[in-house]
C-alpha atoms as a PDB file:
ATOM      1  CA  MET A   1     108.039 157.323 151.482  1.00  0.00           C
ATOM      2  CA  THR A   2     105.192 154.689 150.556  1.00  0.00           C
ATOM      3  CA  PRO A   3     105.488 151.098 149.907  1.00  0.00           C
ATOM      4  CA  VAL A   4     103.345 152.072 147.075  1.00  0.00           C
ATOM      5  CA  SER A   5     105.012 154.878 146.043  1.00  0.00           C
ATOM      6  CA  PHE A   6     108.434 152.893 146.176  1.00  0.00           C
ATOM      7  CA  LEU A   7     106.597 149.740 144.049  1.00  0.00           C
ATOM      8  CA  THR A   8     105.778 151.881 141.370  1.00  0.00           C
ATOM      9  CA  ARG A   9     109.191 154.278 140.601  1.00  0.00           C
ATOM     10  CA  ARG A  10     111.048 150.716 140.129  1.00  0.00           C
ATOM     11  CA  PRO A  11     109.422 149.362 137.227  1.00  0.00           C
ATOM     12  CA  LEU A  12     109.627 152.957 135.912  1.00  0.00           C
ATOM     13  CA  ARG A  13     112.981 152.805 136.285  1.00  0.00           C
ATOM     14  CA  ALA A  14     113.705 149.351 135.067  1.00  0.00           C
ATOM     15  CA  LEU A  15     111.697 150.488 131.931  1.00  0.00           C
ATOM     16  CA  ALA A  16     113.612 153.705 131.249  1.00  0.00           C
ATOM     17  CA  LEU A  17     117.175 151.222 131.592  1.00  0.00           C
ATOM     18  CA  GLY A  18     115.705 148.404 129.067  1.00  0.00           C
ATOM     19  CA  LEU A  19     115.031 151.580 126.164  1.00  0.00           C
ATOM     20  CA  SER A  20     118.253 152.579 126.309  1.00  0.00           C
ATOM     21  CA  LEU A  21     119.433 149.344 125.897  1.00  0.00           C
ATOM     22  CA  LEU A  22     117.096 148.814 123.339  1.00  0.00           C
ATOM     23  CA  LEU A  23     117.680 151.479 121.347  1.00  0.00           C
ATOM     24  CA  PRO A  24     120.834 152.079 120.306  1.00  0.00           C
ATOM     25  CA  ALA A  25     119.903 147.953 118.366  1.00  0.00           C
ATOM     26  CA  ALA A  26     116.891 149.517 117.036  1.00  0.00           C
ATOM     27  CA  CYS A  27     119.045 151.993 115.231  1.00  0.00           C
ATOM     28  CA  GLY A  28     121.803 149.007 113.896  1.00  0.00           C
ATOM     29  CA  GLY A  29     123.680 148.448 117.203  1.00  0.00           C
ATOM     30  CA  PRO A  30     125.871 149.883 119.451  1.00  0.00           C
ATOM     31  CA  ALA A  31     127.814 152.726 117.757  1.00  0.00           C
ATOM     32  CA  GLU A  32     131.265 151.448 116.945  1.00  0.00           C
ATOM     33  CA  ARG A  33     134.324 152.995 118.364  1.00  0.00           C
ATOM     34  CA  PRO A  34     136.035 155.444 116.266  1.00  0.00           C
ATOM     35  CA  ALA A  35     139.449 153.185 114.825  1.00  0.00           C
ATOM     36  CA  PRO A  36     142.285 154.314 117.050  1.00  0.00           C
ATOM     37  CA  ARG A  37     145.118 157.534 115.101  1.00  0.00           C
ATOM     38  CA  PRO A  38     148.271 157.262 114.778  1.00  0.00           C
ATOM     39  CA  GLU A  39     150.181 159.298 117.385  1.00  0.00           C
ATOM     40  CA  GLY A  40     151.102 162.942 116.655  1.00  0.00           C
ATOM     41  CA  GLY A  41     148.604 162.648 113.112  1.00  0.00           C
ATOM     42  CA  SER A  42     144.883 162.160 111.645  1.00  0.00           C
ATOM     43  CA  ALA A  43     143.382 158.694 109.901  1.00  0.00           C
ATOM     44  CA  ALA A  44     145.562 157.382 107.427  1.00  0.00           C
ATOM     45  CA  ALA A  45     142.850 157.394 104.013  1.00  0.00           C
ATOM     46  CA  PRO A  46     143.050 154.235 102.068  1.00  0.00           C
ATOM     47  CA  ALA A  47     145.543 154.054  99.873  1.00  0.00           C
ATOM     48  CA  PRO A  48     143.303 153.541  95.823  1.00  0.00           C
ATOM     49  CA  ALA A  49     143.493 150.386  94.383  1.00  0.00           C
ATOM     50  CA  ALA A  50     146.024 150.301  91.170  1.00  0.00           C
ATOM     51  CA  VAL A  51     144.148 151.030  87.942  1.00  0.00           C
ATOM     52  CA  PRO A  52     146.361 149.251  84.781  1.00  0.00           C
ATOM     53  CA  ALA A  53     146.534 151.692  81.677  1.00  0.00           C
ATOM     54  CA  PRO A  54     144.706 150.780  78.724  1.00  0.00           C
ATOM     55  CA  ALA A  55     146.511 149.149  75.996  1.00  0.00           C
ATOM     56  CA  PRO A  56     147.491 151.411  73.462  1.00  0.00           C
ATOM     57  CA  ALA A  57     145.249 151.367  70.193  1.00  0.00           C
ATOM     58  CA  ARG A  58     146.710 149.194  67.499  1.00  0.00           C
ATOM     59  CA  PRO A  59     147.545 150.456  63.726  1.00  0.00           C
ATOM     60  CA  ARG A  60     144.379 148.805  61.544  1.00  0.00           C
ATOM     61  CA  VAL A  61     144.006 146.950  58.492  1.00  0.00           C
ATOM     62  CA  VAL A  62     140.193 147.173  57.533  1.00  0.00           C
ATOM     63  CA  VAL A  63     139.000 144.505  55.501  1.00  0.00           C
ATOM     64  CA  LEU A  64     135.818 146.571  53.451  1.00  0.00           C
ATOM     65  CA  GLY A  65     133.756 143.805  51.730  1.00  0.00           C
ATOM     66  CA  ASP A  66     130.314 141.555  51.378  1.00  0.00           C
ATOM     67  CA  SER A  67     129.921 137.787  52.526  1.00  0.00           C
ATOM     68  CA  LEU A  68     133.132 136.202  51.215  1.00  0.00           C
ATOM     69  CA  THR A  69     134.486 138.916  53.575  1.00  0.00           C
ATOM     70  CA  ALA A  70     131.915 138.500  56.522  1.00  0.00           C
ATOM     71  CA  GLY A  71     132.277 134.849  56.374  1.00  0.00           C
ATOM     72  CA  TYR A  72     129.252 133.317  55.235  1.00  0.00           C
ATOM     73  CA  GLY A  73     127.883 130.148  56.359  1.00  0.00           C
ATOM     74  CA  LEU A  74     130.803 129.617  58.672  1.00  0.00           C
ATOM     75  CA  PRO A  75     130.067 129.223  62.349  1.00  0.00           C
ATOM     76  CA  SER A  76     131.515 133.213  63.422  1.00  0.00           C
ATOM     77  CA  LYS A  77     133.767 135.638  61.791  1.00  0.00           C
ATOM     78  CA  ASP A  78     136.536 133.672  63.751  1.00  0.00           C
ATOM     79  CA  ASP A  79     136.533 131.752  61.070  1.00  0.00           C
ATOM     80  CA  ALA A  80     136.371 134.432  57.968  1.00  0.00           C
ATOM     81  CA  PHE A  81     138.927 135.129  56.475  1.00  0.00           C
ATOM     82  CA  PRO A  82     140.412 138.377  58.087  1.00  0.00           C
ATOM     83  CA  ALA A  83     140.250 136.711  61.287  1.00  0.00           C
ATOM     84  CA  LEU A  84     143.162 134.219  59.626  1.00  0.00           C
ATOM     85  CA  LEU A  85     144.760 137.302  58.503  1.00  0.00           C
ATOM     86  CA  GLN A  86     145.067 138.297  62.242  1.00  0.00           C
ATOM     87  CA  GLN A  87     146.318 135.316  63.056  1.00  0.00           C
ATOM     88  CA  LYS A  88     149.376 135.466  60.082  1.00  0.00           C
ATOM     89  CA  VAL A  89     149.803 139.143  61.903  1.00  0.00           C
ATOM     90  CA  ASP A  90     150.064 138.531  65.049  1.00  0.00           C
ATOM     91  CA  ALA A  91     152.437 135.061  64.382  1.00  0.00           C
ATOM     92  CA  GLU A  92     155.088 137.652  62.114  1.00  0.00           C
ATOM     93  CA  GLY A  93     154.661 140.163  65.739  1.00  0.00           C
ATOM     94  CA  LEU A  94     153.801 143.159  62.941  1.00  0.00           C
ATOM     95  CA  GLY A  95     151.528 144.732  65.565  1.00  0.00           C
ATOM     96  CA  TYR A  96     148.429 144.798  63.405  1.00  0.00           C
ATOM     97  CA  GLU A  97     144.957 144.688  64.120  1.00  0.00           C
ATOM     98  CA  VAL A  98     142.631 143.668  61.520  1.00  0.00           C
ATOM     99  CA  VAL A  99     138.885 145.005  61.374  1.00  0.00           C
ATOM    100  CA  ASN A 100     136.490 142.818  59.412  1.00  0.00           C
ATOM    101  CA  MET A 101     134.238 145.058  57.934  1.00  0.00           C
ATOM    102  CA  GLY A 102     132.193 142.811  55.706  1.00  0.00           C
ATOM    103  CA  VAL A 103     128.340 142.831  55.222  1.00  0.00           C
ATOM    104  CA  SER A 104     126.569 139.981  53.052  1.00  0.00           C
ATOM    105  CA  GLY A 105     124.968 140.868  50.455  1.00  0.00           C
ATOM    106  CA  ASP A 106     126.639 144.336  50.458  1.00  0.00           C
ATOM    107  CA  THR A 107     127.596 145.953  46.811  1.00  0.00           C
ATOM    108  CA  SER A 108     130.555 148.605  45.730  1.00  0.00           C
ATOM    109  CA  ALA A 109     128.023 151.084  46.542  1.00  0.00           C
ATOM    110  CA  GLY A 110     127.029 150.244  50.131  1.00  0.00           C
ATOM    111  CA  GLY A 111     130.609 150.002  50.826  1.00  0.00           C
ATOM    112  CA  LEU A 112     131.129 153.476  49.602  1.00  0.00           C
ATOM    113  CA  ARG A 113     127.888 154.180  51.846  1.00  0.00           C
ATOM    114  CA  ARG A 114     129.620 153.183  55.255  1.00  0.00           C
ATOM    115  CA  LEU A 115     133.100 154.060  54.308  1.00  0.00           C
ATOM    116  CA  ASP A 116     133.521 156.609  56.934  1.00  0.00           C
ATOM    117  CA  TRP A 117     132.674 154.550  59.700  1.00  0.00           C
ATOM    118  CA  ALA A 118     135.418 151.645  58.250  1.00  0.00           C
ATOM    119  CA  LEU A 119     137.992 154.147  58.436  1.00  0.00           C
ATOM    120  CA  GLU A 120     137.338 155.312  61.661  1.00  0.00           C
ATOM    121  CA  GLY A 121     140.672 154.670  64.358  1.00  0.00           C
ATOM    122  CA  ASP A 122     144.253 154.628  62.619  1.00  0.00           C
ATOM    123  CA  VAL A 123     143.557 152.665  59.508  1.00  0.00           C
ATOM    124  CA  ARG A 124     146.685 152.208  57.657  1.00  0.00           C
ATOM    125  CA  VAL A 125     146.109 149.567  54.827  1.00  0.00           C
ATOM    126  CA  LEU A 126     142.408 149.066  53.344  1.00  0.00           C
ATOM    127  CA  VAL A 127     141.627 145.813  51.943  1.00  0.00           C
ATOM    128  CA  VAL A 128     138.803 146.580  49.304  1.00  0.00           C
ATOM    129  CA  ALA A 129     136.825 143.220  48.567  1.00  0.00           C
ATOM    130  CA  LEU A 130     133.563 144.483  46.814  1.00  0.00           C
ATOM    131  CA  GLY A 131     132.082 144.061  43.110  1.00  0.00           C
ATOM    132  CA  ALA A 132     131.019 140.290  43.909  1.00  0.00           C
ATOM    133  CA  ASN A 133     127.072 141.257  44.357  1.00  0.00           C
ATOM    134  CA  ASP A 134     127.588 143.672  41.561  1.00  0.00           C
ATOM    135  CA  GLY A 135     128.031 140.818  39.219  1.00  0.00           C
ATOM    136  CA  LEU A 136     125.419 138.775  40.833  1.00  0.00           C
ATOM    137  CA  ARG A 137     122.886 141.357  40.208  1.00  0.00           C
ATOM    138  CA  GLY A 138     124.594 142.514  36.839  1.00  0.00           C
ATOM    139  CA  LEU A 139     124.763 146.016  37.566  1.00  0.00           C
ATOM    140  CA  GLY A 140     127.240 147.998  35.627  1.00  0.00           C
ATOM    141  CA  PRO A 141     130.865 147.706  35.259  1.00  0.00           C
ATOM    142  CA  ASP A 142     131.441 151.238  34.832  1.00  0.00           C
ATOM    143  CA  GLN A 143     129.089 152.433  38.076  1.00  0.00           C
ATOM    144  CA  MET A 144     131.053 149.774  40.069  1.00  0.00           C
ATOM    145  CA  LYS A 145     134.124 151.106  39.113  1.00  0.00           C
ATOM    146  CA  ALA A 146     133.083 154.355  40.263  1.00  0.00           C
ATOM    147  CA  ASN A 147     132.153 153.712  43.507  1.00  0.00           C
ATOM    148  CA  LEU A 148     135.318 151.368  43.991  1.00  0.00           C
ATOM    149  CA  ALA A 149     137.210 154.718  42.783  1.00  0.00           C
ATOM    150  CA  GLN A 150     135.633 156.938  45.067  1.00  0.00           C
ATOM    151  CA  THR A 151     136.278 154.231  47.837  1.00  0.00           C
ATOM    152  CA  ILE A 152     140.102 154.317  47.074  1.00  0.00           C
ATOM    153  CA  ASP A 153     140.480 158.346  47.061  1.00  0.00           C
ATOM    154  CA  ARG A 154     138.254 158.632  50.257  1.00  0.00           C
ATOM    155  CA  ALA A 155     140.435 156.009  51.884  1.00  0.00           C
ATOM    156  CA  ARG A 156     144.003 157.864  50.476  1.00  0.00           C
ATOM    157  CA  GLY A 157     142.508 160.944  52.000  1.00  0.00           C
ATOM    158  CA  ARG A 158     142.324 159.592  55.284  1.00  0.00           C
ATOM    159  CA  GLY A 159     146.289 158.593  54.811  1.00  0.00           C
ATOM    160  CA  ALA A 160     145.090 154.617  54.159  1.00  0.00           C
ATOM    161  CA  ARG A 161     147.326 152.590  51.668  1.00  0.00           C
ATOM    162  CA  VAL A 162     144.443 150.816  49.673  1.00  0.00           C
ATOM    163  CA  LEU A 163     144.949 146.400  48.217  1.00  0.00           C
ATOM    164  CA  LEU A 164     142.534 146.004  46.374  1.00  0.00           C
ATOM    165  CA  CYS A 165     140.735 142.829  45.375  1.00  0.00           C
ATOM    166  CA  GLY A 166     139.513 142.068  41.604  1.00  0.00           C
ATOM    167  CA  MET A 167     136.424 139.633  41.319  1.00  0.00           C
ATOM    168  CA  GLU A 168     135.191 138.266  38.164  1.00  0.00           C
ATOM    169  CA  ALA A 169     131.428 138.091  37.165  1.00  0.00           C
ATOM    170  CA  PRO A 170     129.505 134.843  36.311  1.00  0.00           C
ATOM    171  CA  PRO A 171     129.383 133.325  33.415  1.00  0.00           C
ATOM    172  CA  ASN A 172     125.829 133.418  32.257  1.00  0.00           C
ATOM    173  CA  LEU A 173     125.848 137.209  32.023  1.00  0.00           C
ATOM    174  CA  GLY A 174     127.680 136.766  28.665  1.00  0.00           C
ATOM    175  CA  ALA A 175     131.234 137.608  27.268  1.00  0.00           C
ATOM    176  CA  ASP A 176     131.095 140.971  26.797  1.00  0.00           C
ATOM    177  CA  TYR A 177     129.981 141.630  30.298  1.00  0.00           C
ATOM    178  CA  THR A 178     132.352 139.809  31.718  1.00  0.00           C
ATOM    179  CA  ALA A 179     135.108 141.231  30.053  1.00  0.00           C
ATOM    180  CA  GLN A 180     133.840 144.574  30.847  1.00  0.00           C
ATOM    181  CA  PHE A 181     133.351 143.275  34.876  1.00  0.00           C
ATOM    182  CA  ARG A 182     137.412 142.340  34.664  1.00  0.00           C
ATOM    183  CA  ARG A 183     138.544 144.946  32.550  1.00  0.00           C
ATOM    184  CA  ALA A 184     137.230 147.533  35.713  1.00  0.00           C
ATOM    185  CA  TYR A 185     139.455 145.889  38.490  1.00  0.00           C
ATOM    186  CA  GLN A 186     142.300 146.473  36.025  1.00  0.00           C
ATOM    187  CA  ASP A 187     141.760 149.450  34.887  1.00  0.00           C
ATOM    188  CA  LEU A 188     141.269 151.109  38.241  1.00  0.00           C
ATOM    189  CA  ALA A 189     144.267 149.286  39.845  1.00  0.00           C
ATOM    190  CA  ARG A 190     146.462 151.402  36.871  1.00  0.00           C
ATOM    191  CA  GLU A 191     145.019 154.598  37.258  1.00  0.00           C
ATOM    192  CA  LYS A 192     144.818 154.793  41.186  1.00  0.00           C
ATOM    193  CA  GLY A 193     148.615 152.787  41.131  1.00  0.00           C
ATOM    194  CA  VAL A 194     147.073 150.315  44.027  1.00  0.00           C
ATOM    195  CA  VAL A 195     148.211 147.132  45.620  1.00  0.00           C
ATOM    196  CA  PHE A 196     146.407 145.063  42.875  1.00  0.00           C
ATOM    197  CA  LEU A 197     145.521 141.097  43.540  1.00  0.00           C
ATOM    198  CA  PRO A 198     143.137 140.514  40.351  1.00  0.00           C
ATOM    199  CA  PHE A 199     141.129 137.595  41.453  1.00  0.00           C
ATOM    200  CA  LEU A 200     139.954 137.343  45.418  1.00  0.00           C
ATOM    201  CA  LEU A 201     138.987 133.839  44.411  1.00  0.00           C
ATOM    202  CA  ASP A 202     141.419 132.237  42.520  1.00  0.00           C
ATOM    203  CA  GLY A 203     142.034 128.433  43.018  1.00  0.00           C
ATOM    204  CA  VAL A 204     139.226 128.413  44.963  1.00  0.00           C
ATOM    205  CA  ALA A 205     135.954 129.751  42.622  1.00  0.00           C
ATOM    206  CA  GLY A 206     134.820 126.687  40.899  1.00  0.00           C
ATOM    207  CA  VAL A 207     136.494 123.738  43.095  1.00  0.00           C
ATOM    208  CA  ALA A 208     133.687 121.936  45.190  1.00  0.00           C
ATOM    209  CA  ALA A 209     135.726 120.226  48.063  1.00  0.00           C
ATOM    210  CA  LEU A 210     136.993 124.471  48.986  1.00  0.00           C
ATOM    211  CA  ASN A 211     133.423 125.226  48.785  1.00  0.00           C
ATOM    212  CA  GLN A 212     129.898 125.500  50.718  1.00  0.00           C
ATOM    213  CA  ASN A 213     127.021 123.954  49.074  1.00  0.00           C
ATOM    214  CA  ASP A 214     126.432 126.884  47.145  1.00  0.00           C
ATOM    215  CA  GLY A 215     129.004 127.163  45.402  1.00  0.00           C
ATOM    216  CA  ILE A 216     129.457 130.152  45.882  1.00  0.00           C
ATOM    217  CA  HIS A 217     131.238 131.105  49.699  1.00  0.00           C
ATOM    218  CA  PRO A 218     134.249 128.977  51.095  1.00  0.00           C
ATOM    219  CA  ASN A 219     134.643 126.436  53.268  1.00  0.00           C
ATOM    220  CA  HIS A 220     137.259 126.102  56.650  1.00  0.00           C
ATOM    221  CA  ALA A 221     139.404 125.131  53.393  1.00  0.00           C
ATOM    222  CA  GLY A 222     138.704 127.572  50.983  1.00  0.00           C
ATOM    223  CA  THR A 223     138.763 130.296  53.424  1.00  0.00           C
ATOM    224  CA  ALA A 224     142.381 129.240  53.797  1.00  0.00           C
ATOM    225  CA  ARG A 225     143.462 129.879  50.510  1.00  0.00           C
ATOM    226  CA  VAL A 226     141.586 132.910  50.475  1.00  0.00           C
ATOM    227  CA  ALA A 227     143.706 134.394  53.345  1.00  0.00           C
ATOM    228  CA  ASP A 228     146.549 132.812  51.928  1.00  0.00           C
ATOM    229  CA  LEU A 229     146.127 134.422  48.651  1.00  0.00           C
ATOM    230  CA  VAL A 230     145.408 138.006  50.442  1.00  0.00           C
ATOM    231  CA  TRP A 231     148.167 137.341  52.650  1.00  0.00           C
ATOM    232  CA  THR A 232     150.650 137.116  49.697  1.00  0.00           C
ATOM    233  CA  SER A 233     149.797 141.195  48.483  1.00  0.00           C
ATOM    234  CA  LEU A 234     148.858 142.507  52.541  1.00  0.00           C
ATOM    235  CA  ARG A 235     152.235 141.407  54.144  1.00  0.00           C
ATOM    236  CA  PRO A 236     154.605 143.463  51.984  1.00  0.00           C
ATOM    237  CA  MET A 237     152.391 146.348  52.615  1.00  0.00           C
ATOM    238  CA  LEU A 238     152.077 145.994  56.333  1.00  0.00           C
ATOM    239  CA  ALA A 239     155.971 145.339  56.675  1.00  0.00           C
ATOM    240  CA  ALA A 240     157.147 148.278  54.857  1.00  0.00           C
ATOM    241  CA  SER A 241     154.594 150.454  57.056  1.00  0.00           C
ATOM    242  CA  SER A 242     156.095 148.938  59.920  1.00  0.00           C
ATOM    243  CA  SER A 243     160.069 149.606  58.566  1.00  0.00           C
END
């Protein structure tokens, strides 16, 4: 072998050795060694992480209403009277979920249109707090009564008990209208045999210290009064259902 051929082969061998060392790095590094298997068996699979079971759904109390229910003018729905009812439910360990289904501006007809959605889940009690906007718009008391009657019937058809909250019409609409408006709730409660709260804003309406600047929607103190009033009728219904 000539010196030239010997010198030529050494660089080629060095290049081949260098490539053999570089290729594993270019493909992501040296191949990992397989984990040692336990004696007498195959490699154990990692145990799956434990997934907590979902909490069982609680029976529901749905408050179907308008801006008075939604908490208009308050910081959030957590300040509205259904949320305060939830606090009372929890304090007594009654195990219900109170759902706020208040929509500002809604009438008795609007509440009826979204009733199927409101009754989703295990609804045990439906609190009907509609009609204020019917009165503000001067809508016919007979039609309001018909809408509320359908609401009651459909809720009962789904197995829910009903608490009907009455409302008063603005006095500027005249004595005849306000009397018809009030009587629509009274007659409906008697005809359907539902639990009846004659006036949702009893002790709050017309009291400046308990209302916002518009004189219509309760402030924090007024909302607490409303929750206390509704609770006097709702609590016996929930206690009876729980027992």
